[in-house]
Protein backbone atom coordinates (compact mmCIF):
# COMPACT_ATOMS: atom_id res chain seq x y z
CA MET A 1 -0.12 0.02 -0.03
CA GLU A 2 3.14 2.32 0.63
CA ALA A 3 3.80 1.92 -2.69
CA VAL A 4 0.93 2.47 -4.29
CA GLN A 5 0.37 5.39 -2.00
CA SER A 6 3.73 6.61 -3.52
CA SER A 7 3.40 6.37 -7.00
CA VAL A 8 -0.25 7.65 -6.98
CA ASP A 9 1.54 11.01 -5.17
CA MET A 10 4.20 10.75 -7.80
CA ILE A 11 1.41 11.02 -10.53
CA TRP A 12 0.06 13.70 -9.05
CA VAL A 13 3.16 15.84 -8.60
CA MET A 14 4.19 15.12 -12.02
CA LEU A 15 0.41 16.08 -13.64
CA GLY A 16 0.64 19.36 -11.67
CA ALA A 17 3.81 19.66 -13.29
CA MET A 18 2.66 19.98 -16.67
CA LEU A 19 -0.38 22.13 -15.88
CA VAL A 20 2.21 24.62 -14.48
CA PHE A 21 4.33 24.18 -17.75
CA PHE A 22 1.42 24.57 -20.00
CA MET A 23 0.92 27.90 -17.99
CA HIS A 24 3.80 28.84 -20.19
CA ALA A 25 1.64 29.01 -23.40
CA GLY A 26 -1.25 31.16 -21.23
CA PHE A 27 1.44 33.49 -20.54
CA ALA A 28 2.63 33.86 -24.25
CA MET A 29 -1.30 34.44 -25.55
CA VAL A 30 -2.10 36.83 -22.66
CA GLU A 31 1.10 39.23 -23.64
CA SER A 32 0.51 38.73 -27.12
CA GLY A 33 -3.14 39.71 -27.40
CA PHE A 34 -2.36 42.56 -25.06
CA THR A 35 0.07 44.08 -27.12
CA ARG A 36 0.58 44.90 -31.35
CA SER A 37 0.93 42.30 -33.52
CA LYS A 38 3.74 43.96 -34.55
CA ASN A 39 6.17 42.61 -31.03
CA THR A 40 3.72 38.73 -31.06
CA LEU A 41 6.97 37.01 -32.58
CA ASN A 42 9.28 38.39 -30.25
CA ILE A 43 7.03 37.66 -27.27
CA LEU A 44 6.53 34.02 -27.88
CA MET A 45 9.93 33.70 -28.37
CA LYS A 46 10.87 35.12 -25.10
CA ASN A 47 8.15 32.51 -23.41
CA MET A 48 9.82 30.23 -24.84
CA ILE A 49 13.56 31.08 -24.04
CA THR A 50 12.20 31.71 -20.59
CA VAL A 51 11.06 28.19 -19.45
CA SER A 52 13.78 26.54 -21.41
CA LEU A 53 16.73 28.65 -20.09
CA GLY A 54 14.90 28.42 -16.98
CA SER A 55 15.00 24.80 -16.32
CA ILE A 56 18.95 24.18 -17.14
CA LEU A 57 19.84 26.98 -14.65
CA TYR A 58 17.51 25.28 -11.97
CA PHE A 59 19.15 22.10 -12.63
CA ILE A 60 22.57 23.30 -12.56
CA VAL A 61 22.53 26.35 -10.07
CA GLY A 62 18.50 27.26 -8.63
CA TYR A 63 17.67 24.09 -6.84
CA ALA A 64 20.62 23.87 -4.73
CA LEU A 65 20.89 27.06 -3.45
CA MET A 66 16.92 26.81 -3.25
CA PHE A 67 16.66 23.09 -1.53
CA GLY A 68 20.47 22.37 -0.44
CA PRO A 69 20.92 22.79 3.63
CA SER A 70 20.49 25.76 4.94
CA SER A 71 23.86 28.37 5.32
CA PHE A 72 22.34 30.54 8.41
CA GLY A 73 19.02 30.43 6.84
CA LEU A 74 19.67 33.16 4.24
CA ILE A 75 20.57 30.04 0.52
CA GLY A 76 21.31 26.60 -0.29
CA THR A 77 25.12 25.03 0.35
CA GLN A 78 24.40 21.69 -2.00
CA GLY A 79 22.87 20.02 -4.65
CA PHE A 80 24.05 21.65 -7.94
CA ALA A 81 23.14 20.13 -11.26
CA LEU A 82 20.39 17.65 -8.82
CA SER A 83 23.92 16.32 -7.23
CA GLY A 84 23.25 14.14 -4.84
CA VAL A 85 19.19 14.50 -5.02
CA GLU A 86 17.37 11.50 -5.25
CA ASP A 87 13.55 13.51 -5.66
CA ILE A 88 13.73 13.69 -9.26
CA GLY A 89 9.91 14.68 -9.48
CA PHE A 90 10.04 17.12 -7.12
CA PHE A 91 13.17 18.94 -9.18
CA VAL A 92 10.66 19.19 -11.71
CA PHE A 93 7.76 20.75 -10.27
CA GLN A 94 10.16 23.24 -8.80
CA ALA A 95 11.48 23.85 -12.01
CA VAL A 96 8.41 25.05 -13.91
CA PHE A 97 8.11 27.45 -10.81
CA ALA A 98 11.14 28.99 -11.36
CA ALA A 99 10.53 29.80 -15.11
CA THR A 100 7.00 31.08 -14.04
CA CYS A 101 8.28 33.62 -11.85
CA ALA A 102 10.82 34.93 -14.96
CA THR A 103 8.21 34.69 -17.23
CA ILE A 104 6.50 37.59 -15.58
CA ILE A 105 8.68 40.18 -15.98
CA SER A 106 7.97 39.41 -20.11
CA GLY A 107 4.84 41.28 -20.01
CA ALA A 108 5.84 44.33 -17.87
CA VAL A 109 8.54 45.20 -20.64
CA ALA A 110 7.06 44.48 -23.92
CA GLU A 111 7.14 45.93 -26.69
CA ARG A 112 11.09 47.84 -25.78
CA MET A 113 13.31 45.89 -23.80
CA ASN A 114 16.54 44.30 -26.11
CA LEU A 115 16.30 40.54 -25.87
CA SER A 116 19.28 39.60 -24.79
CA ALA A 117 19.38 41.81 -22.01
CA TYR A 118 16.25 40.33 -21.21
CA ILE A 119 18.42 36.62 -21.50
CA LEU A 120 20.30 38.16 -19.03
CA LEU A 121 17.92 39.15 -16.65
CA THR A 122 16.14 35.95 -16.65
CA ILE A 123 19.52 33.76 -16.03
CA ALA A 124 20.03 35.62 -13.03
CA MET A 125 16.19 35.27 -11.65
CA THR A 126 16.02 31.80 -12.38
CA ALA A 127 19.60 31.02 -11.27
CA VAL A 128 19.95 33.51 -8.02
CA ILE A 129 17.29 35.99 -7.48
CA TYR A 130 13.83 33.82 -7.40
CA PRO A 131 15.81 30.20 -5.61
CA ILE A 132 17.11 32.36 -2.49
CA VAL A 133 13.54 33.77 -1.90
CA GLY A 134 12.42 30.11 -2.26
CA HIS A 135 15.16 29.04 0.17
CA TRP A 136 13.82 31.25 2.70
CA VAL A 137 10.62 30.41 2.60
CA TRP A 138 10.24 26.45 1.14
CA GLY A 139 13.68 25.73 1.39
CA GLY A 140 13.77 26.00 5.64
CA GLY A 141 15.09 29.36 5.47
CA TRP A 142 14.95 32.16 7.80
CA LEU A 143 11.07 33.36 7.12
CA ALA A 144 10.00 29.56 7.21
CA GLN A 145 11.81 29.35 10.94
CA ILE A 146 9.73 32.44 11.77
CA GLY A 147 6.71 31.13 10.72
CA PHE A 148 5.82 32.53 7.69
CA ILE A 149 3.01 31.21 5.73
CA ASP A 150 2.96 31.21 1.42
CA PHE A 151 1.38 27.50 0.51
CA ALA A 152 1.91 27.74 -3.76
CA GLY A 153 3.33 31.10 -4.09
CA SER A 154 1.76 34.58 -3.82
CA THR A 155 5.12 36.12 -2.62
CA VAL A 156 7.80 33.15 -3.59
CA VAL A 157 6.52 33.45 -7.19
CA HIS A 158 4.59 36.29 -8.00
CA LEU A 159 5.71 39.18 -5.76
CA THR A 160 9.13 37.92 -6.45
CA GLY A 161 8.69 38.58 -10.13
CA ALA A 162 7.02 41.77 -9.88
CA VAL A 163 9.11 43.78 -8.28
CA ALA A 164 11.87 42.63 -10.88
CA ALA A 165 9.45 43.53 -13.60
CA LEU A 166 8.70 46.74 -11.57
CA ILE A 167 12.25 48.10 -11.66
CA ALA A 168 12.91 46.38 -15.57
CA ALA A 169 10.29 48.77 -16.66
CA TRP A 170 10.77 51.84 -14.92
CA LYS A 171 14.76 51.41 -15.18
CA ILE A 172 14.03 50.82 -19.49
CA GLY A 173 11.17 53.42 -19.64
CA PRO A 174 6.98 53.91 -20.81
CA ARG A 175 7.01 52.62 -24.59
CA LEU A 176 7.33 55.08 -27.13
CA GLY A 177 4.34 57.43 -27.70
CA LYS A 178 2.61 56.00 -24.42
CA TYR A 179 3.02 59.64 -22.53
CA SER A 180 2.96 63.24 -24.69
CA GLY A 181 3.10 65.78 -21.53
CA LYS A 182 0.43 65.35 -19.35
CA SER A 183 -1.53 62.94 -21.24
CA VAL A 184 -1.83 59.41 -20.45
CA ASN A 185 -2.21 57.34 -24.13
CA THR A 186 -3.36 53.89 -25.21
CA ILE A 187 -1.84 51.65 -26.95
CA PRO A 188 -4.72 48.82 -27.55
CA GLY A 189 -3.28 45.22 -28.15
CA HIS A 190 -4.28 43.42 -31.15
CA SER A 191 -6.32 40.64 -29.84
CA LEU A 192 -8.13 39.96 -26.74
CA PRO A 193 -9.52 36.82 -27.67
CA LEU A 194 -5.89 35.64 -27.70
CA GLY A 195 -5.37 37.28 -24.38
CA ALA A 196 -8.81 35.53 -23.18
CA LEU A 197 -8.06 31.94 -24.48
CA GLY A 198 -4.26 32.50 -22.66
CA VAL A 199 -6.23 33.54 -19.02
CA PHE A 200 -8.26 30.31 -19.74
CA ILE A 201 -5.01 28.46 -19.93
CA LEU A 202 -3.57 29.96 -17.18
CA TRP A 203 -6.81 29.55 -14.66
CA LEU A 204 -6.41 25.67 -16.16
CA GLY A 205 -2.64 25.82 -14.93
CA TRP A 206 -3.21 27.20 -11.55
CA PHE A 207 -5.79 23.92 -10.77
CA GLY A 208 -1.85 22.14 -11.03
CA PHE A 209 -0.14 25.40 -9.61
CA ASN A 210 -1.58 25.12 -6.69
CA GLY A 211 -3.24 21.66 -6.56
CA GLY A 212 0.25 20.40 -7.06
CA SER A 213 1.79 22.27 -4.33
CA THR A 214 -0.04 19.47 -2.30
CA LEU A 215 3.08 17.21 -3.08
CA ALA A 216 0.80 14.23 -2.30
CA ALA A 217 -2.71 12.94 -3.69
CA ASP A 218 -3.96 13.68 -0.53
CA PRO A 219 -8.17 13.20 -0.70
CA ALA A 220 -8.69 15.58 2.05
CA LEU A 221 -6.95 18.44 1.08
CA VAL A 222 -6.36 18.61 -2.96
CA PRO A 223 -10.14 19.40 -3.57
CA ILE A 224 -10.14 22.07 -1.01
CA VAL A 225 -7.24 23.71 -2.59
CA ILE A 226 -8.74 23.38 -5.73
CA ALA A 227 -12.36 24.46 -4.95
CA ASN A 228 -10.79 27.58 -3.43
CA THR A 229 -8.48 28.12 -6.30
CA LEU A 230 -11.78 28.12 -8.17
CA LEU A 231 -13.80 30.35 -6.35
CA ALA A 232 -11.22 33.16 -5.87
CA ALA A 233 -11.14 33.30 -9.56
CA SER A 234 -14.20 33.22 -9.96
CA ALA A 235 -14.60 36.28 -7.23
CA GLY A 236 -11.73 37.83 -8.76
CA ILE A 237 -13.55 38.50 -12.38
CA ILE A 238 -17.07 39.24 -10.43
CA ALA A 239 -15.64 41.74 -8.88
CA THR A 240 -13.97 43.71 -11.67
CA ALA A 241 -16.99 42.95 -13.51
CA SER A 242 -18.75 44.68 -11.54
CA TYR A 243 -16.12 47.53 -10.43
CA THR A 244 -15.25 48.45 -13.33
CA ARG A 245 -19.17 48.76 -14.71
CA LEU A 246 -19.52 51.07 -11.67
CA ARG A 247 -16.60 53.38 -12.10
CA TYR A 248 -16.49 53.58 -15.41
CA GLY A 249 -20.16 53.01 -17.15
CA ARG A 250 -19.28 50.03 -18.13
CA ILE A 251 -17.73 46.32 -18.00
CA ASP A 252 -13.89 46.70 -19.05
CA ALA A 253 -12.98 43.46 -20.47
CA SER A 254 -9.37 42.96 -20.28
CA LEU A 255 -9.09 44.04 -16.73
CA THR A 256 -11.84 41.83 -15.77
CA MET A 257 -9.32 39.23 -17.64
CA ASN A 258 -6.56 40.44 -15.26
CA GLY A 259 -9.52 39.92 -12.45
CA ALA A 260 -9.45 36.31 -12.99
CA LEU A 261 -5.69 36.34 -12.62
CA ALA A 262 -5.76 38.83 -9.65
CA GLY A 263 -7.89 36.18 -7.85
CA LEU A 264 -5.64 33.55 -8.47
CA VAL A 265 -2.62 35.31 -7.08
CA GLY A 266 -3.93 36.22 -4.25
CA ILE A 267 -5.14 32.91 -3.17
CA THR A 268 -2.63 30.86 -3.72
CA ALA A 269 -0.81 31.78 -0.92
CA GLY A 270 -3.47 30.58 1.57
CA ALA A 271 -4.93 27.94 -0.94
CA ALA A 272 -4.64 25.38 1.97
CA ASN A 273 -5.39 27.97 4.86
CA VAL A 274 -8.52 29.42 4.61
CA SER A 275 -11.81 28.63 3.87
CA PHE A 276 -14.50 28.83 1.09
CA VAL A 277 -15.35 31.96 2.31
CA GLY A 278 -12.68 33.33 3.14
CA ALA A 279 -11.54 32.14 -0.68
CA ILE A 280 -14.51 34.62 -2.43
CA ALA A 281 -13.65 37.46 0.15
CA ILE A 282 -10.21 37.52 -0.94
CA GLY A 283 -10.48 37.04 -4.65
CA LEU A 284 -13.45 39.66 -4.70
CA LEU A 285 -10.98 42.26 -2.44
CA ALA A 286 -7.85 40.77 -5.25
CA GLY A 287 -9.94 41.97 -7.93
CA VAL A 288 -10.78 45.71 -6.97
CA ILE A 289 -7.19 46.29 -5.26
CA MET A 290 -5.49 45.40 -8.57
CA THR A 291 -7.98 47.68 -10.89
CA GLU A 292 -7.28 50.54 -8.70
CA ALA A 293 -3.26 49.42 -8.64
CA ILE A 294 -3.33 49.66 -12.63
CA ARG A 295 -4.63 53.12 -13.14
CA LEU A 296 -1.99 54.23 -10.09
CA LEU A 297 0.69 53.09 -11.81
CA ASP A 298 -0.45 53.66 -14.94
CA SER A 299 -1.72 57.42 -14.89
CA LYS A 300 -0.26 58.70 -12.02
CA ILE A 301 3.33 56.69 -11.48
CA ARG A 302 3.88 56.89 -14.82
CA ILE A 303 5.32 53.10 -15.48
CA ASP A 304 4.36 51.22 -18.22
CA ASP A 305 3.18 47.95 -17.99
CA PRO A 306 1.39 46.52 -21.18
CA VAL A 307 -0.52 43.90 -20.00
CA GLY A 308 -0.61 44.56 -16.07
CA ALA A 309 1.48 42.35 -14.36
CA ILE A 310 2.74 44.35 -11.73
CA SER A 311 -0.49 45.06 -10.17
CA VAL A 312 -1.83 41.07 -10.61
CA HIS A 313 0.98 39.50 -9.88
CA GLY A 314 2.89 41.93 -7.23
CA ILE A 315 -0.02 44.05 -5.73
CA ALA A 316 -2.38 40.66 -5.58
CA GLY A 317 0.67 39.03 -4.51
CA ILE A 318 0.95 41.31 -1.45
CA TRP A 319 -3.03 41.08 -0.87
CA GLY A 320 -2.89 37.38 -0.85
CA THR A 321 -0.21 36.89 1.40
CA LEU A 322 -0.83 40.11 4.34
CA ALA A 323 -4.94 38.09 3.65
CA ILE A 324 -3.42 35.28 5.48
CA GLY A 325 -2.89 37.05 8.21
CA LEU A 326 -7.05 37.84 8.80
CA PHE A 327 -8.23 35.02 7.09
CA ASP A 328 -6.54 31.54 8.61
CA THR A 329 -8.60 29.44 9.79
CA THR A 330 -6.19 28.33 12.43
CA GLY A 331 -4.40 31.68 13.47
CA GLY A 332 -5.75 34.44 11.36
CA LEU A 333 -7.35 37.89 12.87
CA LEU A 334 -10.67 36.82 11.93
CA TYR A 335 -10.97 33.69 13.26
CA GLY A 336 -9.84 35.18 16.84
CA GLY A 337 -5.77 34.66 16.82
CA GLY A 338 -4.54 37.77 17.18
CA ALA A 339 -1.87 39.88 15.08
CA GLU A 340 0.91 37.75 14.66
CA VAL A 341 0.44 36.33 11.77
CA LEU A 342 -0.31 39.50 9.86
CA GLY A 343 2.98 40.63 11.78
CA ILE A 344 4.97 38.11 10.05
CA GLN A 345 3.02 38.15 6.54
CA ALA A 346 4.18 41.27 6.56
CA VAL A 347 7.94 40.95 7.28
CA GLY A 348 8.12 38.28 4.74
CA VAL A 349 6.82 40.50 2.07
CA PHE A 350 8.83 43.63 3.01
CA ALA A 351 11.98 40.98 2.73
CA VAL A 352 11.15 39.79 -0.50
CA ILE A 353 10.39 43.39 -2.04
CA ALA A 354 13.91 44.65 -0.59
CA TRP A 355 15.59 41.71 -1.72
CA ALA A 356 13.71 41.41 -5.20
CA SER A 357 14.54 45.21 -6.01
CA ILE A 358 18.22 45.73 -5.13
CA SER A 359 19.02 42.78 -6.89
CA THR A 360 17.28 43.14 -9.53
CA GLY A 361 18.56 46.63 -10.28
CA LEU A 362 22.13 45.74 -9.07
CA VAL A 363 21.58 42.69 -12.20
CA LEU A 364 20.45 45.53 -14.44
CA LEU A 365 23.03 47.99 -13.83
CA ALA A 366 25.27 45.09 -14.83
CA ILE A 367 23.71 43.97 -17.99
CA GLY A 368 23.31 47.66 -18.94
CA SER A 369 27.00 47.80 -18.67
CA VAL A 370 27.66 44.81 -21.29
CA VAL A 371 24.57 45.33 -23.67
CA PRO A 372 21.31 47.93 -24.54
CA LEU A 373 18.81 47.21 -22.30
CA ARG A 374 16.60 48.87 -24.72
CA VAL A 375 15.88 48.88 -28.34
CA THR A 376 16.68 51.63 -30.68
CA ALA A 377 13.58 54.02 -31.35
CA GLU A 378 13.32 53.19 -35.09
CA HIS A 379 13.25 49.61 -33.95
CA GLU A 380 10.55 49.91 -31.24
CA GLU A 381 8.63 51.30 -34.39
CA ALA A 382 9.44 48.85 -36.72
CA GLY A 383 8.30 46.62 -34.17
CA LEU A 384 10.41 43.78 -32.27
CA ASP A 385 9.17 40.60 -34.31
CA PHE A 386 11.69 42.09 -37.39
CA SER A 387 13.96 43.97 -35.83
CA GLU A 388 15.13 41.13 -33.20
CA HIS A 389 14.00 37.65 -35.68
CA GLY A 390 13.93 39.42 -39.10
CA SER A 391 10.20 37.73 -39.34
CA GLN A 392 6.36 38.16 -38.40
CA ALA A 393 4.29 36.27 -36.31
CA TYR A 394 1.16 37.40 -39.14
CA SER A 395 0.75 36.81 -42.73
CA MET A 396 -1.17 40.55 -42.61
CA GLN A 397 1.20 42.39 -40.38
CA ASP A 398 0.48 45.38 -39.54
CA VAL A 399 1.21 47.58 -42.08
CA LEU A 400 1.69 50.96 -40.40
CA HIS A 401 3.37 51.58 -36.79
CA GLY A 402 2.93 55.32 -35.71
CA SER A 403 2.85 56.48 -32.31
CA PRO A 404 0.20 57.60 -30.90
CA ALA A 405 1.30 60.43 -28.70
CA GLY A 406 -0.55 63.81 -29.05
CA HIS A 407 -3.63 61.46 -28.91
CA SER A 408 -5.24 62.07 -25.02
CA ASN A 409 -7.66 58.89 -24.05
CA SER A 410 -9.79 59.96 -20.74
CA PHE A 411 -9.72 56.04 -19.99
CA ALA A 412 -6.01 55.63 -21.28
CA HIS A 413 -5.18 54.22 -17.29
CA ARG A 414 -7.36 51.21 -18.80
CA LEU A 415 -5.79 48.51 -20.20
CA ASN A 416 -6.09 47.81 -23.95
CA GLN A 417 -8.93 50.38 -24.46
CA LEU A 418 -9.27 51.53 -28.24
CA GLY A 419 -10.45 55.20 -27.58
CA GLU A 420 -8.82 57.40 -30.20
CA VAL A 421 -7.12 55.78 -32.86
CA PRO A 422 -3.72 57.20 -33.99
CA THR A 423 -2.70 58.48 -36.87
CA PRO A 424 0.92 57.93 -38.19
CA SER A 425 3.00 59.58 -40.34
CA PRO A 426 3.43 58.07 -43.82
CA LYS A 427 6.97 58.30 -43.70
CA LYS A 428 6.68 55.06 -40.99
CA SER A 429 5.25 53.28 -43.08
CA ILE A 430 6.59 49.86 -43.85
CA SER A 431 5.84 48.37 -47.78
């Protein structure tokens, strides 16, 4: 019976790993759909390179730093290239997580980051930056020792990736024409159906992301985790659709799609620790918080994030992590447990933000001294498909690539609204 149980557990974790791997197709579709068609091929290549390069680097370095014997609770020290590691299935599951963290950056820097610079940043993320955070929480490091809770990675995966994305997007700057004076201009995505397909793929994959994190086919725990995942995502959609209807007078499609992802990110930390009602509450608030965060970043702070990745993965990740301090059924504030859990969760959030921002900033400085972080204005106007890959994603590629500078839109802080269509200059046309 033990052998049978071990086999079933292995099959469940491997199924979870495959579902998490399939999430990369979802990320590729969301990022492609929410950006312009002239950059689609570049985004697809970034996602394929991320998961491939990330897997190799995590095998060589990342797994050891994350799960090796701890040095002062800060970093693992053994297991490089899986030397001495027996549980290969656990490595596979964790490897696809590492690639997920890195690919969050791709959407935030879409349409203007140099591919070589992005690859170098991915190397740093999957080999060092993410594994160190993972060691703190899941590898027996100092955050685990003080009782920090992050079941499947609202902070470890999503916040780490989002902070790196924030630093990269700020360092590289906005896309050409995004801001002109005090105006915030709309740069609509080319295919919201692709974006919607990506959201559904990510939602499916998240059942493996959270469900597989049980690391065993536990008949009591697995259904609860998956039910909480389903409820939180559904609540995120309902909250975002309702909130945008009240705020803007219409249900915003792209924000509502991101509402599902915000709910999923929010529940990831506490999927095994909260009740069904708690999961719904976390999803509802995640949708509203994410919507306002996108508006704040886009129109006030003026950080250009074409797909809303920073708000979806970062702000919702923070909320989901802190929400455990409120909704944890054994020690949360709303269950009579006091503020201790909430305080520990806050310490973890601040520590990860500090580490990810400082390390990413230093890595970008180093990369910038070797290769340009950003493509030239000429290449950005023409589209990265042609300048980086010498090809195009569609046979009917965009003919005109004009900048929307000077065309203001009252809904510019909302993702992918058509608004006014910019009039391109004839000299920028491509025959």
